[in-house]
N, C-alpha and C. Protein backbone atom coordinates (compact mmCIF):
# COMPACT_ATOMS: atom_id res chain seq x y z
N UNK A 1 44.42 -14.92 -29.02
CA UNK A 1 45.87 -14.98 -28.96
C UNK A 1 46.39 -14.87 -30.40
N UNK A 2 47.37 -14.03 -30.59
CA UNK A 2 48.00 -13.90 -31.90
C UNK A 2 49.45 -14.37 -31.81
N UNK A 3 49.92 -14.91 -32.92
CA UNK A 3 51.29 -15.43 -32.96
C UNK A 3 52.12 -14.59 -33.92
N UNK A 4 53.26 -14.15 -33.44
CA UNK A 4 54.19 -13.35 -34.24
C UNK A 4 55.17 -14.27 -34.95
N UNK A 5 55.80 -13.76 -36.01
CA UNK A 5 56.73 -14.59 -36.79
C UNK A 5 57.86 -15.23 -35.97
N UNK A 6 58.24 -14.58 -34.87
CA UNK A 6 59.33 -15.14 -34.05
C UNK A 6 58.83 -16.21 -33.07
N UNK A 7 57.53 -16.53 -33.14
CA UNK A 7 56.95 -17.56 -32.27
C UNK A 7 56.32 -17.02 -31.01
N UNK A 8 56.45 -15.74 -30.75
CA UNK A 8 55.85 -15.12 -29.57
C UNK A 8 54.34 -15.11 -29.71
N UNK A 9 53.66 -15.52 -28.65
CA UNK A 9 52.20 -15.46 -28.59
C UNK A 9 51.79 -14.32 -27.67
N UNK A 10 50.81 -13.54 -28.10
CA UNK A 10 50.34 -12.41 -27.30
C UNK A 10 48.82 -12.49 -27.19
N UNK A 11 48.33 -12.42 -25.95
CA UNK A 11 46.89 -12.40 -25.71
C UNK A 11 46.42 -10.94 -25.75
N UNK A 12 45.42 -10.67 -26.57
CA UNK A 12 44.88 -9.32 -26.71
C UNK A 12 43.41 -9.32 -26.29
N UNK A 13 43.12 -8.58 -25.24
CA UNK A 13 41.77 -8.52 -24.69
C UNK A 13 40.84 -7.82 -25.68
N UNK A 14 39.76 -8.52 -26.04
CA UNK A 14 38.74 -7.92 -26.89
C UNK A 14 38.99 -8.05 -28.38
N UNK A 15 40.02 -8.78 -28.79
CA UNK A 15 40.34 -8.85 -30.21
C UNK A 15 39.20 -9.44 -31.02
N UNK A 16 38.62 -10.55 -30.57
CA UNK A 16 37.53 -11.18 -31.33
C UNK A 16 36.35 -10.23 -31.48
N UNK A 17 36.03 -9.50 -30.42
CA UNK A 17 34.92 -8.54 -30.50
C UNK A 17 35.23 -7.43 -31.50
N UNK A 18 36.45 -6.94 -31.48
CA UNK A 18 36.86 -5.87 -32.40
C UNK A 18 36.79 -6.36 -33.85
N UNK A 19 37.29 -7.56 -34.10
CA UNK A 19 37.23 -8.10 -35.45
C UNK A 19 35.78 -8.22 -35.92
N UNK A 20 34.91 -8.67 -35.01
CA UNK A 20 33.49 -8.79 -35.33
C UNK A 20 32.86 -7.44 -35.64
N UNK A 21 33.22 -6.43 -34.86
CA UNK A 21 32.69 -5.08 -35.10
C UNK A 21 33.12 -4.57 -36.47
N UNK A 22 34.39 -4.71 -36.77
CA UNK A 22 34.91 -4.22 -38.05
C UNK A 22 34.28 -4.97 -39.22
N UNK A 23 34.10 -6.27 -39.06
CA UNK A 23 33.47 -7.07 -40.10
C UNK A 23 32.03 -6.60 -40.33
N UNK A 24 31.30 -6.37 -39.24
CA UNK A 24 29.91 -5.92 -39.38
C UNK A 24 29.83 -4.51 -39.96
N UNK A 25 30.89 -3.73 -39.81
CA UNK A 25 30.96 -2.39 -40.40
C UNK A 25 31.37 -2.45 -41.88
N UNK A 26 31.70 -3.64 -42.36
CA UNK A 26 32.11 -3.81 -43.76
C UNK A 26 33.51 -3.33 -44.06
N UNK A 27 34.35 -3.28 -43.04
CA UNK A 27 35.72 -2.79 -43.23
C UNK A 27 36.55 -3.80 -44.03
N UNK A 28 37.34 -3.29 -44.94
CA UNK A 28 38.23 -4.11 -45.76
C UNK A 28 39.49 -4.45 -44.97
N UNK A 29 40.14 -5.54 -45.36
CA UNK A 29 41.40 -5.94 -44.73
C UNK A 29 42.53 -5.14 -45.38
N UNK A 30 42.88 -4.02 -44.75
CA UNK A 30 43.96 -3.18 -45.26
C UNK A 30 44.68 -2.53 -44.08
N UNK A 31 45.70 -1.77 -44.39
CA UNK A 31 46.52 -1.15 -43.33
C UNK A 31 45.70 -0.22 -42.45
N UNK A 32 44.79 0.53 -43.05
CA UNK A 32 43.95 1.45 -42.28
C UNK A 32 43.12 0.68 -41.24
N UNK A 33 42.57 -0.45 -41.63
CA UNK A 33 41.79 -1.26 -40.70
C UNK A 33 42.68 -1.83 -39.61
N UNK A 34 43.89 -2.26 -39.97
CA UNK A 34 44.82 -2.78 -38.97
C UNK A 34 45.16 -1.70 -37.95
N UNK A 35 45.33 -0.47 -38.41
CA UNK A 35 45.60 0.64 -37.48
C UNK A 35 44.38 0.87 -36.57
N UNK A 36 43.19 0.71 -37.13
CA UNK A 36 41.97 0.86 -36.33
C UNK A 36 41.87 -0.24 -35.27
N UNK A 37 42.28 -1.44 -35.63
CA UNK A 37 42.31 -2.54 -34.65
C UNK A 37 43.23 -2.15 -33.50
N UNK A 38 44.40 -1.64 -33.82
CA UNK A 38 45.34 -1.22 -32.76
C UNK A 38 44.72 -0.13 -31.89
N UNK A 39 44.09 0.85 -32.50
CA UNK A 39 43.46 1.93 -31.74
C UNK A 39 42.41 1.37 -30.77
N UNK A 40 41.60 0.44 -31.26
CA UNK A 40 40.55 -0.14 -30.42
C UNK A 40 41.14 -1.05 -29.34
N UNK A 41 42.22 -1.75 -29.67
CA UNK A 41 42.88 -2.57 -28.65
C UNK A 41 43.46 -1.69 -27.54
N UNK A 42 44.08 -0.59 -27.92
CA UNK A 42 44.65 0.33 -26.93
C UNK A 42 43.54 0.92 -26.06
N UNK A 43 42.38 1.20 -26.64
CA UNK A 43 41.26 1.73 -25.87
C UNK A 43 40.78 0.72 -24.83
N UNK A 44 41.03 -0.55 -25.09
CA UNK A 44 40.66 -1.61 -24.14
C UNK A 44 41.83 -1.97 -23.22
N UNK A 45 42.79 -1.08 -23.16
CA UNK A 45 43.93 -1.19 -22.23
C UNK A 45 44.93 -2.28 -22.57
N UNK A 46 44.97 -2.72 -23.82
CA UNK A 46 46.02 -3.63 -24.26
C UNK A 46 47.29 -2.82 -24.49
N UNK A 47 48.42 -3.38 -24.12
CA UNK A 47 49.68 -2.71 -24.36
C UNK A 47 50.14 -3.01 -25.78
N UNK A 48 50.33 -1.96 -26.55
CA UNK A 48 50.88 -2.07 -27.90
C UNK A 48 52.16 -1.22 -27.91
N UNK A 49 53.31 -1.83 -28.18
CA UNK A 49 54.56 -1.06 -28.17
C UNK A 49 54.51 0.13 -29.13
N UNK A 50 55.17 1.19 -28.76
CA UNK A 50 55.17 2.39 -29.60
C UNK A 50 56.32 2.42 -30.60
N UNK A 51 57.29 1.55 -30.44
CA UNK A 51 58.43 1.52 -31.38
C UNK A 51 57.94 1.18 -32.78
N UNK A 52 58.48 1.86 -33.78
CA UNK A 52 58.03 1.70 -35.17
C UNK A 52 58.07 0.24 -35.63
N UNK A 53 59.16 -0.44 -35.40
CA UNK A 53 59.29 -1.82 -35.86
C UNK A 53 58.23 -2.71 -35.21
N UNK A 54 58.06 -2.58 -33.90
CA UNK A 54 57.07 -3.39 -33.19
C UNK A 54 55.66 -3.09 -33.69
N UNK A 55 55.36 -1.84 -33.92
CA UNK A 55 54.03 -1.47 -34.41
C UNK A 55 53.79 -2.03 -35.81
N UNK A 56 54.80 -2.00 -36.64
CA UNK A 56 54.65 -2.58 -37.99
C UNK A 56 54.38 -4.08 -37.91
N UNK A 57 55.05 -4.74 -36.96
CA UNK A 57 54.80 -6.17 -36.77
C UNK A 57 53.37 -6.41 -36.31
N UNK A 58 52.89 -5.57 -35.39
CA UNK A 58 51.50 -5.70 -34.93
C UNK A 58 50.54 -5.49 -36.10
N UNK A 59 50.79 -4.48 -36.92
CA UNK A 59 49.93 -4.21 -38.08
C UNK A 59 49.88 -5.45 -38.97
N UNK A 60 51.03 -6.03 -39.25
CA UNK A 60 51.11 -7.20 -40.11
C UNK A 60 50.35 -8.39 -39.52
N UNK A 61 50.59 -8.67 -38.26
CA UNK A 61 49.95 -9.81 -37.61
C UNK A 61 48.44 -9.59 -37.49
N UNK A 62 48.02 -8.39 -37.13
CA UNK A 62 46.59 -8.13 -36.97
C UNK A 62 45.87 -8.14 -38.32
N UNK A 63 46.53 -7.69 -39.34
CA UNK A 63 45.95 -7.75 -40.68
C UNK A 63 45.75 -9.21 -41.10
N UNK A 64 46.72 -10.03 -40.81
CA UNK A 64 46.62 -11.46 -41.11
C UNK A 64 45.45 -12.08 -40.34
N UNK A 65 45.31 -11.72 -39.07
CA UNK A 65 44.21 -12.23 -38.25
C UNK A 65 42.86 -11.79 -38.79
N UNK A 66 42.77 -10.55 -39.23
CA UNK A 66 41.51 -10.04 -39.76
C UNK A 66 41.17 -10.73 -41.08
N UNK A 67 42.16 -10.95 -41.92
CA UNK A 67 41.91 -11.67 -43.18
C UNK A 67 41.40 -13.09 -42.89
N UNK A 68 41.99 -13.73 -41.89
CA UNK A 68 41.56 -15.07 -41.51
C UNK A 68 40.12 -15.02 -40.97
N UNK A 69 39.82 -14.01 -40.20
CA UNK A 69 38.47 -13.83 -39.65
C UNK A 69 37.46 -13.69 -40.79
N UNK A 70 37.77 -12.87 -41.77
CA UNK A 70 36.88 -12.65 -42.92
C UNK A 70 36.68 -13.97 -43.68
N UNK A 71 37.77 -14.69 -43.94
CA UNK A 71 37.68 -15.95 -44.68
C UNK A 71 36.82 -16.96 -43.93
N UNK A 72 36.97 -17.01 -42.61
CA UNK A 72 36.16 -17.94 -41.81
C UNK A 72 34.67 -17.60 -41.92
N UNK A 73 34.34 -16.32 -41.93
CA UNK A 73 32.93 -15.89 -42.03
C UNK A 73 32.36 -16.20 -43.41
N UNK A 74 33.17 -16.06 -44.44
CA UNK A 74 32.70 -16.32 -45.81
C UNK A 74 32.46 -17.81 -46.04
N UNK A 75 33.21 -18.65 -45.33
CA UNK A 75 33.04 -20.11 -45.47
C UNK A 75 31.74 -20.60 -44.85
N UNK A 76 31.22 -19.85 -43.91
CA UNK A 76 29.99 -20.27 -43.21
C UNK A 76 28.79 -20.09 -44.04
C-alpha cells in the first residue's frame, strides 16, 4: 500500500515483488526506474491513471517507496 500526499492510500498488486526485482537488477532510484515500476505495475493489471498530473504523483510516490526499500535493504 502506498500513501499519497493528500492522504489517499492505494493498494498496488505486486509492488513488493517489483521493488525486489529492480533492487536485484541493481537499478538506481531515479525517474527512469519509477517509470519502469509503473510499466510493471500496469503489466500486472494495476490501474495507473493516464493524466499527466496523476502520473507525476505516482512517479514521485513510487520513487519514494523504492528509496525506502533500498534503505531498508542496506540496513540489514
